[in-house]
Structures are given as structure tokens and as C-alpha cells.
C-alpha atoms as a PDB file:
ATOM      1  CA  MET A   1       1.305 -14.530  28.404  1.00  0.00           C
ATOM      2  CA  PRO A   2      -1.065 -13.367  25.629  1.00  0.00           C
ATOM      3  CA  VAL A   3      -0.081 -14.875  22.232  1.00  0.00           C
ATOM      4  CA  PRO A   4       0.254 -12.463  19.191  1.00  0.00           C
ATOM      5  CA  ALA A   5      -1.636 -13.101  16.053  1.00  0.00           C
ATOM      6  CA  ASP A   6       0.253 -15.246  13.570  1.00  0.00           C
ATOM      7  CA  PRO A   7       1.549 -13.147  10.557  1.00  0.00           C
ATOM      8  CA  THR A   8       2.211 -16.242   8.472  1.00  0.00           C
ATOM      9  CA  VAL A   9      -1.386 -17.495   8.279  1.00  0.00           C
ATOM     10  CA  LEU A  10      -2.991 -16.765   4.853  1.00  0.00           C
ATOM     11  CA  HIS A  11      -6.553 -16.482   6.230  1.00  0.00           C
ATOM     12  CA  PRO A  12      -6.436 -14.814   9.658  1.00  0.00           C
ATOM     13  CA  MET A  13     -10.242 -15.090   9.994  1.00  0.00           C
ATOM     14  CA  PRO A  14     -10.982 -18.723   8.942  1.00  0.00           C
ATOM     15  CA  GLU A  15     -14.738 -17.974   8.865  1.00  0.00           C
ATOM     16  CA  GLN A  16     -14.082 -15.112   6.357  1.00  0.00           C
ATOM     17  CA  PRO A  17     -12.091 -16.519   3.438  1.00  0.00           C
ATOM     18  CA  ARG A  18     -12.429 -13.118   1.713  1.00  0.00           C
ATOM     19  CA  VAL A  19      -9.683 -11.754   4.052  1.00  0.00           C
ATOM     20  CA  VAL A  20      -6.031 -12.628   3.310  1.00  0.00           C
ATOM     21  CA  LEU A  21      -2.770 -11.548   4.837  1.00  0.00           C
ATOM     22  CA  LEU A  22      -0.621 -10.419   1.835  1.00  0.00           C
ATOM     23  CA  ARG A  23       2.831 -11.201   3.152  1.00  0.00           C
ATOM     24  CA  PRO A  24       2.385 -15.012   3.035  1.00  0.00           C
ATOM     25  CA  LEU A  25       0.445 -14.677  -0.290  1.00  0.00           C
ATOM     26  CA  VAL A  26       2.627 -12.630  -2.616  1.00  0.00           C
ATOM     27  CA  LYS A  27       5.431 -14.426  -4.522  1.00  0.00           C
ATOM     28  CA  SER A  28       6.661 -11.727  -6.889  1.00  0.00           C
ATOM     29  CA  PRO A  29      10.135 -10.392  -6.033  1.00  0.00           C
ATOM     30  CA  LEU A  30       8.819  -6.989  -7.222  1.00  0.00           C
ATOM     31  CA  ILE A  31       6.281  -6.848  -4.352  1.00  0.00           C
ATOM     32  CA  GLU A  32       7.192  -6.352  -0.697  1.00  0.00           C
ATOM     33  CA  VAL A  33       4.561  -6.347   1.983  1.00  0.00           C
ATOM     34  CA  GLY A  34       4.956  -6.002   5.762  1.00  0.00           C
ATOM     35  CA  GLU A  35       3.476  -8.305   8.387  1.00  0.00           C
ATOM     36  CA  TYR A  36      -0.226  -8.207   9.181  1.00  0.00           C
ATOM     37  CA  THR A  37      -1.272  -6.177   6.066  1.00  0.00           C
ATOM     38  CA  TYR A  38      -4.438  -7.605   4.792  1.00  0.00           C
ATOM     39  CA  TYR A  39      -6.689  -7.485   1.688  1.00  0.00           C
ATOM     40  CA  ASP A  40     -10.497  -8.019   1.724  1.00  0.00           C
ATOM     41  CA  ASP A  41     -12.265  -9.236  -1.459  1.00  0.00           C
ATOM     42  CA  PRO A  42     -15.431 -11.473  -1.679  1.00  0.00           C
ATOM     43  CA  ASP A  43     -14.440 -12.784  -5.117  1.00  0.00           C
ATOM     44  CA  ASP A  44     -10.844 -13.916  -5.000  1.00  0.00           C
ATOM     45  CA  PRO A  45      -8.427 -12.228  -2.654  1.00  0.00           C
ATOM     46  CA  THR A  46      -5.675 -14.687  -3.391  1.00  0.00           C
ATOM     47  CA  ALA A  47      -5.413 -13.277  -6.896  1.00  0.00           C
ATOM     48  CA  PHE A  48      -4.208  -9.966  -5.534  1.00  0.00           C
ATOM     49  CA  GLU A  49      -0.880  -9.983  -7.511  1.00  0.00           C
ATOM     50  CA  THR A  50      -2.604 -10.295 -10.886  1.00  0.00           C
ATOM     51  CA  ARG A  51      -5.905  -8.485 -10.299  1.00  0.00           C
ATOM     52  CA  ASN A  52      -4.807  -5.658  -8.106  1.00  0.00           C
ATOM     53  CA  VAL A  53      -1.189  -4.869  -9.168  1.00  0.00           C
ATOM     54  CA  LEU A  54      -1.507  -3.963 -12.782  1.00  0.00           C
ATOM     55  CA  TYR A  55       1.030  -3.542 -15.631  1.00  0.00           C
ATOM     56  CA  HIS A  56       3.789  -4.646 -13.307  1.00  0.00           C
ATOM     57  CA  TYR A  57       6.593  -5.609 -15.684  1.00  0.00           C
ATOM     58  CA  GLY A  58       9.440  -4.184 -13.557  1.00  0.00           C
ATOM     59  CA  PRO A  59      11.967  -3.152 -12.571  1.00  0.00           C
ATOM     60  CA  GLU A  60      10.117  -0.889 -10.167  1.00  0.00           C
ATOM     61  CA  LYS A  61       8.726  -2.316  -6.953  1.00  0.00           C
ATOM     62  CA  LEU A  62       5.522  -2.094  -5.041  1.00  0.00           C
ATOM     63  CA  VAL A  63       6.371  -1.751  -1.315  1.00  0.00           C
ATOM     64  CA  ILE A  64       3.623  -1.905   1.300  1.00  0.00           C
ATOM     65  CA  GLY A  65       4.275  -1.505   4.974  1.00  0.00           C
ATOM     66  CA  LYS A  66       2.988  -3.357   8.048  1.00  0.00           C
ATOM     67  CA  PHE A  67      -0.509  -3.223   9.490  1.00  0.00           C
ATOM     68  CA  CYS A  68      -2.180  -1.835   6.400  1.00  0.00           C
ATOM     69  CA  ALA A  69      -5.841  -2.491   5.584  1.00  0.00           C
ATOM     70  CA  LEU A  70      -6.776  -2.767   1.828  1.00  0.00           C
ATOM     71  CA  GLY A  71     -10.500  -2.633   0.990  1.00  0.00           C
ATOM     72  CA  THR A  72     -11.967  -4.509  -2.009  1.00  0.00           C
ATOM     73  CA  GLY A  73     -10.839  -3.351  -5.355  1.00  0.00           C
ATOM     74  CA  VAL A  74      -7.769  -1.409  -4.265  1.00  0.00           C
ATOM     75  CA  ARG A  75      -5.526  -1.277  -7.365  1.00  0.00           C
ATOM     76  CA  PHE A  76      -1.941  -0.225  -7.896  1.00  0.00           C
ATOM     77  CA  ILE A  77      -1.161   0.969 -11.489  1.00  0.00           C
ATOM     78  CA  MET A  78       2.539   0.457 -12.191  1.00  0.00           C
ATOM     79  CA  ASN A  79       4.872   2.050 -14.665  1.00  0.00           C
ATOM     80  CA  GLY A  80       4.285  -0.675 -17.361  1.00  0.00           C
ATOM     81  CA  ALA A  81       0.994   1.205 -18.155  1.00  0.00           C
ATOM     82  CA  ASN A  82       2.853   4.119 -19.742  1.00  0.00           C
ATOM     83  CA  HIS A  83       2.531   4.881 -23.486  1.00  0.00           C
ATOM     84  CA  ARG A  84       4.297   7.310 -25.686  1.00  0.00           C
ATOM     85  CA  MET A  85       2.555  10.655 -25.846  1.00  0.00           C
ATOM     86  CA  ASP A  86       5.010  12.749 -27.978  1.00  0.00           C
ATOM     87  CA  GLY A  87       3.879  11.416 -31.424  1.00  0.00           C
ATOM     88  CA  PRO A  88       0.566  11.336 -33.288  1.00  0.00           C
ATOM     89  CA  SER A  89      -0.501   8.075 -31.758  1.00  0.00           C
ATOM     90  CA  THR A  90      -0.211   6.535 -28.274  1.00  0.00           C
ATOM     91  CA  PHE A  91      -0.706   2.962 -29.523  1.00  0.00           C
ATOM     92  CA  PRO A  92       2.141   0.552 -28.634  1.00  0.00           C
ATOM     93  CA  PHE A  93       2.553  -0.998 -32.096  1.00  0.00           C
ATOM     94  CA  PRO A  94       5.747  -2.996 -31.268  1.00  0.00           C
ATOM     95  CA  THR A  95       4.080  -5.005 -28.514  1.00  0.00           C
ATOM     96  CA  MET A  96       1.620  -6.508 -31.100  1.00  0.00           C
ATOM     97  CA  GLY A  97       4.416  -8.556 -32.746  1.00  0.00           C
ATOM     98  CA  GLY A  98       5.148  -9.261 -36.378  1.00  0.00           C
ATOM     99  CA  SER A  99       7.414  -6.828 -38.070  1.00  0.00           C
ATOM    100  CA  TRP A 100       6.183  -4.177 -35.772  1.00  0.00           C
ATOM    101  CA  ALA A 101       8.384  -5.653 -33.139  1.00  0.00           C
ATOM    102  CA  GLU A 102      11.393  -4.282 -34.941  1.00  0.00           C
ATOM    103  CA  HIS A 103      10.420  -0.876 -33.600  1.00  0.00           C
ATOM    104  CA  PHE A 104      10.582  -1.841 -30.035  1.00  0.00           C
ATOM    105  CA  ASP A 105      13.175   0.852 -29.378  1.00  0.00           C
ATOM    106  CA  LEU A 106      10.270   3.311 -29.572  1.00  0.00           C
ATOM    107  CA  LEU A 107       9.073   1.999 -26.254  1.00  0.00           C
ATOM    108  CA  THR A 108      12.271   2.296 -24.315  1.00  0.00           C
ATOM    109  CA  GLY A 109      12.998   5.206 -22.090  1.00  0.00           C
ATOM    110  CA  LEU A 110       9.403   5.945 -21.283  1.00  0.00           C
ATOM    111  CA  PRO A 111       8.799   8.038 -18.145  1.00  0.00           C
ATOM    112  CA  ASN A 112       9.267   5.942 -15.005  1.00  0.00           C
ATOM    113  CA  ARG A 113       8.316   7.342 -11.648  1.00  0.00           C
ATOM    114  CA  GLY A 114      10.093   4.594  -9.753  1.00  0.00           C
ATOM    115  CA  ASP A 115       8.840   2.454  -6.847  1.00  0.00           C
ATOM    116  CA  THR A 116       5.368   2.810  -5.391  1.00  0.00           C
ATOM    117  CA  VAL A 117       5.868   3.028  -1.604  1.00  0.00           C
ATOM    118  CA  VAL A 118       3.154   2.688   1.113  1.00  0.00           C
ATOM    119  CA  GLY A 119       3.996   3.368   4.738  1.00  0.00           C
ATOM    120  CA  ASN A 120       2.735   1.451   7.784  1.00  0.00           C
ATOM    121  CA  ASP A 121      -0.763   1.525   9.260  1.00  0.00           C
ATOM    122  CA  VAL A 122      -2.407   2.858   6.045  1.00  0.00           C
ATOM    123  CA  TRP A 123      -6.157   2.378   5.483  1.00  0.00           C
ATOM    124  CA  PHE A 124      -7.327   2.083   1.776  1.00  0.00           C
ATOM    125  CA  GLY A 125     -11.045   2.529   1.218  1.00  0.00           C
ATOM    126  CA  HIS A 126     -13.083   0.475  -1.254  1.00  0.00           C
ATOM    127  CA  GLY A 127     -12.092   0.834  -4.919  1.00  0.00           C
ATOM    128  CA  THR A 128      -9.088   3.179  -4.574  1.00  0.00           C
ATOM    129  CA  THR A 129      -6.539   3.464  -7.280  1.00  0.00           C
ATOM    130  CA  VAL A 130      -2.852   4.336  -6.805  1.00  0.00           C
ATOM    131  CA  MET A 131      -0.900   5.608  -9.723  1.00  0.00           C
ATOM    132  CA  PRO A 132       2.766   4.786 -10.480  1.00  0.00           C
ATOM    133  CA  GLY A 133       5.563   6.095  -8.238  1.00  0.00           C
ATOM    134  CA  VAL A 134       3.270   7.491  -5.540  1.00  0.00           C
ATOM    135  CA  ARG A 135       4.488   7.550  -1.971  1.00  0.00           C
ATOM    136  CA  ILE A 136       1.877   7.259   0.797  1.00  0.00           C
ATOM    137  CA  GLY A 137       2.913   8.178   4.362  1.00  0.00           C
ATOM    138  CA  HIS A 138       2.467   6.259   7.603  1.00  0.00           C
ATOM    139  CA  GLY A 139      -1.024   6.363   9.172  1.00  0.00           C
ATOM    140  CA  ALA A 140      -2.671   7.818   6.054  1.00  0.00           C
ATOM    141  CA  ILE A 141      -6.324   7.212   5.143  1.00  0.00           C
ATOM    142  CA  ILE A 142      -7.293   6.837   1.426  1.00  0.00           C
ATOM    143  CA  GLY A 143     -11.009   7.513   0.885  1.00  0.00           C
ATOM    144  CA  ALA A 144     -13.175   5.067  -1.076  1.00  0.00           C
ATOM    145  CA  GLY A 145     -12.933   5.528  -4.826  1.00  0.00           C
ATOM    146  CA  ALA A 146      -9.912   7.897  -4.564  1.00  0.00           C
ATOM    147  CA  VAL A 147      -7.396   8.084  -7.431  1.00  0.00           C
ATOM    148  CA  VAL A 148      -4.098   8.841  -5.804  1.00  0.00           C
ATOM    149  CA  THR A 149      -1.797  10.683  -8.337  1.00  0.00           C
ATOM    150  CA  THR A 150       0.566  12.495  -5.955  1.00  0.00           C
ATOM    151  CA  ASP A 151       2.262  11.745  -2.678  1.00  0.00           C
ATOM    152  CA  VAL A 152       0.204  11.627   0.527  1.00  0.00           C
ATOM    153  CA  PRO A 153       1.754  12.884   3.758  1.00  0.00           C
ATOM    154  CA  ASP A 154       2.028  10.946   7.006  1.00  0.00           C
ATOM    155  CA  TYR A 155      -1.377  10.738   8.709  1.00  0.00           C
ATOM    156  CA  GLY A 156      -3.036  12.518   5.843  1.00  0.00           C
ATOM    157  CA  ILE A 157      -6.643  11.859   4.756  1.00  0.00           C
ATOM    158  CA  VAL A 158      -7.197  12.151   1.045  1.00  0.00           C
ATOM    159  CA  GLY A 159     -10.192  11.618  -1.238  1.00  0.00           C
ATOM    160  CA  GLY A 160     -11.554  12.269  -4.714  1.00  0.00           C
ATOM    161  CA  ASN A 161     -10.303  12.039  -8.282  1.00  0.00           C
ATOM    162  CA  PRO A 162      -7.595  13.163  -8.418  1.00  0.00           C
ATOM    163  CA  ALA A 163      -7.225  12.694  -4.641  1.00  0.00           C
ATOM    164  CA  ARG A 164      -6.785  15.878  -2.572  1.00  0.00           C
ATOM    165  CA  LEU A 165      -5.641  16.243   0.912  1.00  0.00           C
ATOM    166  CA  ILE A 166      -8.741  16.776   3.146  1.00  0.00           C
ATOM    167  CA  ARG A 167      -6.950  17.147   6.436  1.00  0.00           C
ATOM    168  CA  THR A 168      -4.285  15.556   8.586  1.00  0.00           C
ATOM    169  CA  ARG A 169      -5.374  13.360  11.439  1.00  0.00           C
ATOM    170  CA  PHE A 170      -3.068  15.109  13.899  1.00  0.00           C
ATOM    171  CA  SER A 171      -1.062  18.251  14.340  1.00  0.00           C
ATOM    172  CA  ASP A 172       2.488  18.478  13.023  1.00  0.00           C
ATOM    173  CA  ASP A 173       3.928  18.068  16.509  1.00  0.00           C
ATOM    174  CA  GLU A 174       1.721  15.069  17.208  1.00  0.00           C
ATOM    175  CA  ILE A 175       2.688  13.493  13.855  1.00  0.00           C
ATOM    176  CA  ASP A 176       6.371  13.853  14.735  1.00  0.00           C
ATOM    177  CA  ARG A 177       5.677  12.127  18.062  1.00  0.00           C
ATOM    178  CA  LEU A 178       3.857   9.284  16.400  1.00  0.00           C
ATOM    179  CA  LEU A 179       6.620   8.754  13.880  1.00  0.00           C
ATOM    180  CA  ALA A 180       9.248   8.729  16.621  1.00  0.00           C
ATOM    181  CA  VAL A 181       7.316   6.126  18.601  1.00  0.00           C
ATOM    182  CA  ALA A 182       6.743   3.923  15.441  1.00  0.00           C
ATOM    183  CA  TRP A 183       4.534   1.400  17.216  1.00  0.00           C
ATOM    184  CA  TRP A 184       4.492  -0.788  14.131  1.00  0.00           C
ATOM    185  CA  ASP A 185       8.164  -1.633  14.704  1.00  0.00           C
ATOM    186  CA  TRP A 186       7.575  -2.899  18.254  1.00  0.00           C
ATOM    187  CA  PRO A 187       8.008  -6.662  18.861  1.00  0.00           C
ATOM    188  CA  ALA A 188       4.700  -8.421  18.319  1.00  0.00           C
ATOM    189  CA  GLU A 189       4.679  -9.581  21.903  1.00  0.00           C
ATOM    190  CA  HIS A 190       4.960  -5.981  23.038  1.00  0.00           C
ATOM    191  CA  ILE A 191       2.190  -4.848  20.718  1.00  0.00           C
ATOM    192  CA  THR A 192      -0.006  -7.648  22.070  1.00  0.00           C
ATOM    193  CA  GLY A 193       0.296  -6.224  25.550  1.00  0.00           C
ATOM    194  CA  HIS A 194      -0.657  -2.707  24.425  1.00  0.00           C
ATOM    195  CA  VAL A 195      -3.329  -3.262  21.752  1.00  0.00           C
ATOM    196  CA  ARG A 196      -5.908  -1.095  23.610  1.00  0.00           C
ATOM    197  CA  THR A 197      -3.452   1.771  23.899  1.00  0.00           C
ATOM    198  CA  ILE A 198      -2.541   1.553  20.157  1.00  0.00           C
ATOM    199  CA  MET A 199      -6.128   1.549  19.137  1.00  0.00           C
ATOM    200  CA  SER A 200      -7.789   3.925  21.575  1.00  0.00           C
ATOM    201  CA  GLY A 201      -5.153   5.527  23.754  1.00  0.00           C
ATOM    202  CA  ASN A 202      -3.739   9.080  23.397  1.00  0.00           C
ATOM    203  CA  ILE A 203      -0.232   9.825  22.090  1.00  0.00           C
ATOM    204  CA  ALA A 204       1.271  10.334  25.628  1.00  0.00           C
ATOM    205  CA  GLU A 205      -0.019   6.857  26.623  1.00  0.00           C
ATOM    206  CA  LEU A 206       1.404   5.381  23.466  1.00  0.00           C
ATOM    207  CA  GLU A 207       4.813   6.970  24.210  1.00  0.00           C
ATOM    208  CA  ALA A 208       4.689   5.644  27.762  1.00  0.00           C
ATOM    209  CA  ALA A 209       4.030   2.184  26.439  1.00  0.00           C
ATOM    210  CA  ALA A 210       7.011   2.110  24.093  1.00  0.00           C
ATOM    211  CA  PRO A 211       9.441  -0.746  24.787  1.00  0.00           C
ATOM    212  CA  ASP A 212      12.238   1.550  25.892  1.00  0.00           C
ATOM    213  CA  ARG A 213       9.975   3.120  28.481  1.00  0.00           C
ATOM    214  CA  ALA A 214       7.642   0.386  29.586  1.00  0.00           C
END
């Protein structure tokens, strides 16, 4: 029987150390990543938690699904980047220490958009930026250099700054069928037997290959 790829290996392509699987890499309890999601960076992909997830002081989480592809320079801006905007200055004086720290209450209660959640099978182009609290649907494509400030629908293609919906990859009915089949939740052994259908088949063939029908 064909053997599935190993989701616990840090470098799935040994000859390409610039590629890492994120699930075995991340250690922060505030970051959750599904199996087989990878990041590609020629400099240091293993520094993803500190170089690509920014201002992440909690308690909100970054949740990324399975089988996502993250191009070089993808960055997630978290809620810790917020500053007050209702006074004359946006500068966070209390964080600088000294007697200024006595005014730390001025930094509590800042707007918090909650968790940033990415679905399964999402492709992020080079240099994309995702702002706090955004939710990106399954099967979406984020164009290179996009700045994602609002939610992205399932199988949507977005691009630009701020990112706008260019189109959806499938019709509403087809998207409903794809979400129902949810191939990313199939057992790895079953996925292994149907890789060609998942990558190049049509939706009817994908439905026919589902574990409860095969």
C-alpha cells in the first residue's frame, strides 16, 4: 500500500531546507496549525513564530488549518499591535517603563478582534499580510502582497491593499459540495489513494472518492 507523507517531519523536502511543516515547528500555545501546512522561506523558516507572527502577546490565538501553503514573508499581525487612537497621541508611554508604567491602565481595554482563523487548503502568495481577527475560508487564495483586513469567503480569491474579492473559484453550489466532502479531513491513507483526484479531478469525482462512498 502507498505510504502517506509524514506530517511530523520538520523538513518534508530534505534537499530544500527553506521549506518547513509548521505543525512540528510551532511551540506557542497561542498558535494552532493543522497537519501538512508548510512555510517557505530562504532565510530562516524555523523562525516563523517570531518573524511571521507579530505582536502576539495573547490571549487571542492564531489558528491555521491543514494543507495550507504559506509563501515567503507571509505575516500575521495580532491584536497586540493596537494603540489608543482616542487621544492626542497614539504613543504607548506606559510600555516604556519608569514612572510612565503607572499609567498602564490606559492600555487596557483596547479593541480586540479576537482569534485569527485560517481554514484548510489556503494558499498564501509571497509577502501577504493578515490583520488581526480576520477569518479566511477553506480553499481561499491570497494574492502576493495582499493586505487582508476583512474576512475572506470559502474558495475566494483576494488581492490588493486592502485586499478585495476578485472572484470565487467555484459556484455557490459547487462550494457547498466541496465543503460537504471536506477532503482535508479524510484519513491520510485515503488521501494517499486519491491524490490525483484531489489535485486534478472534478467535484463529482471527488465526491465519489469520499471514504463513505469509495
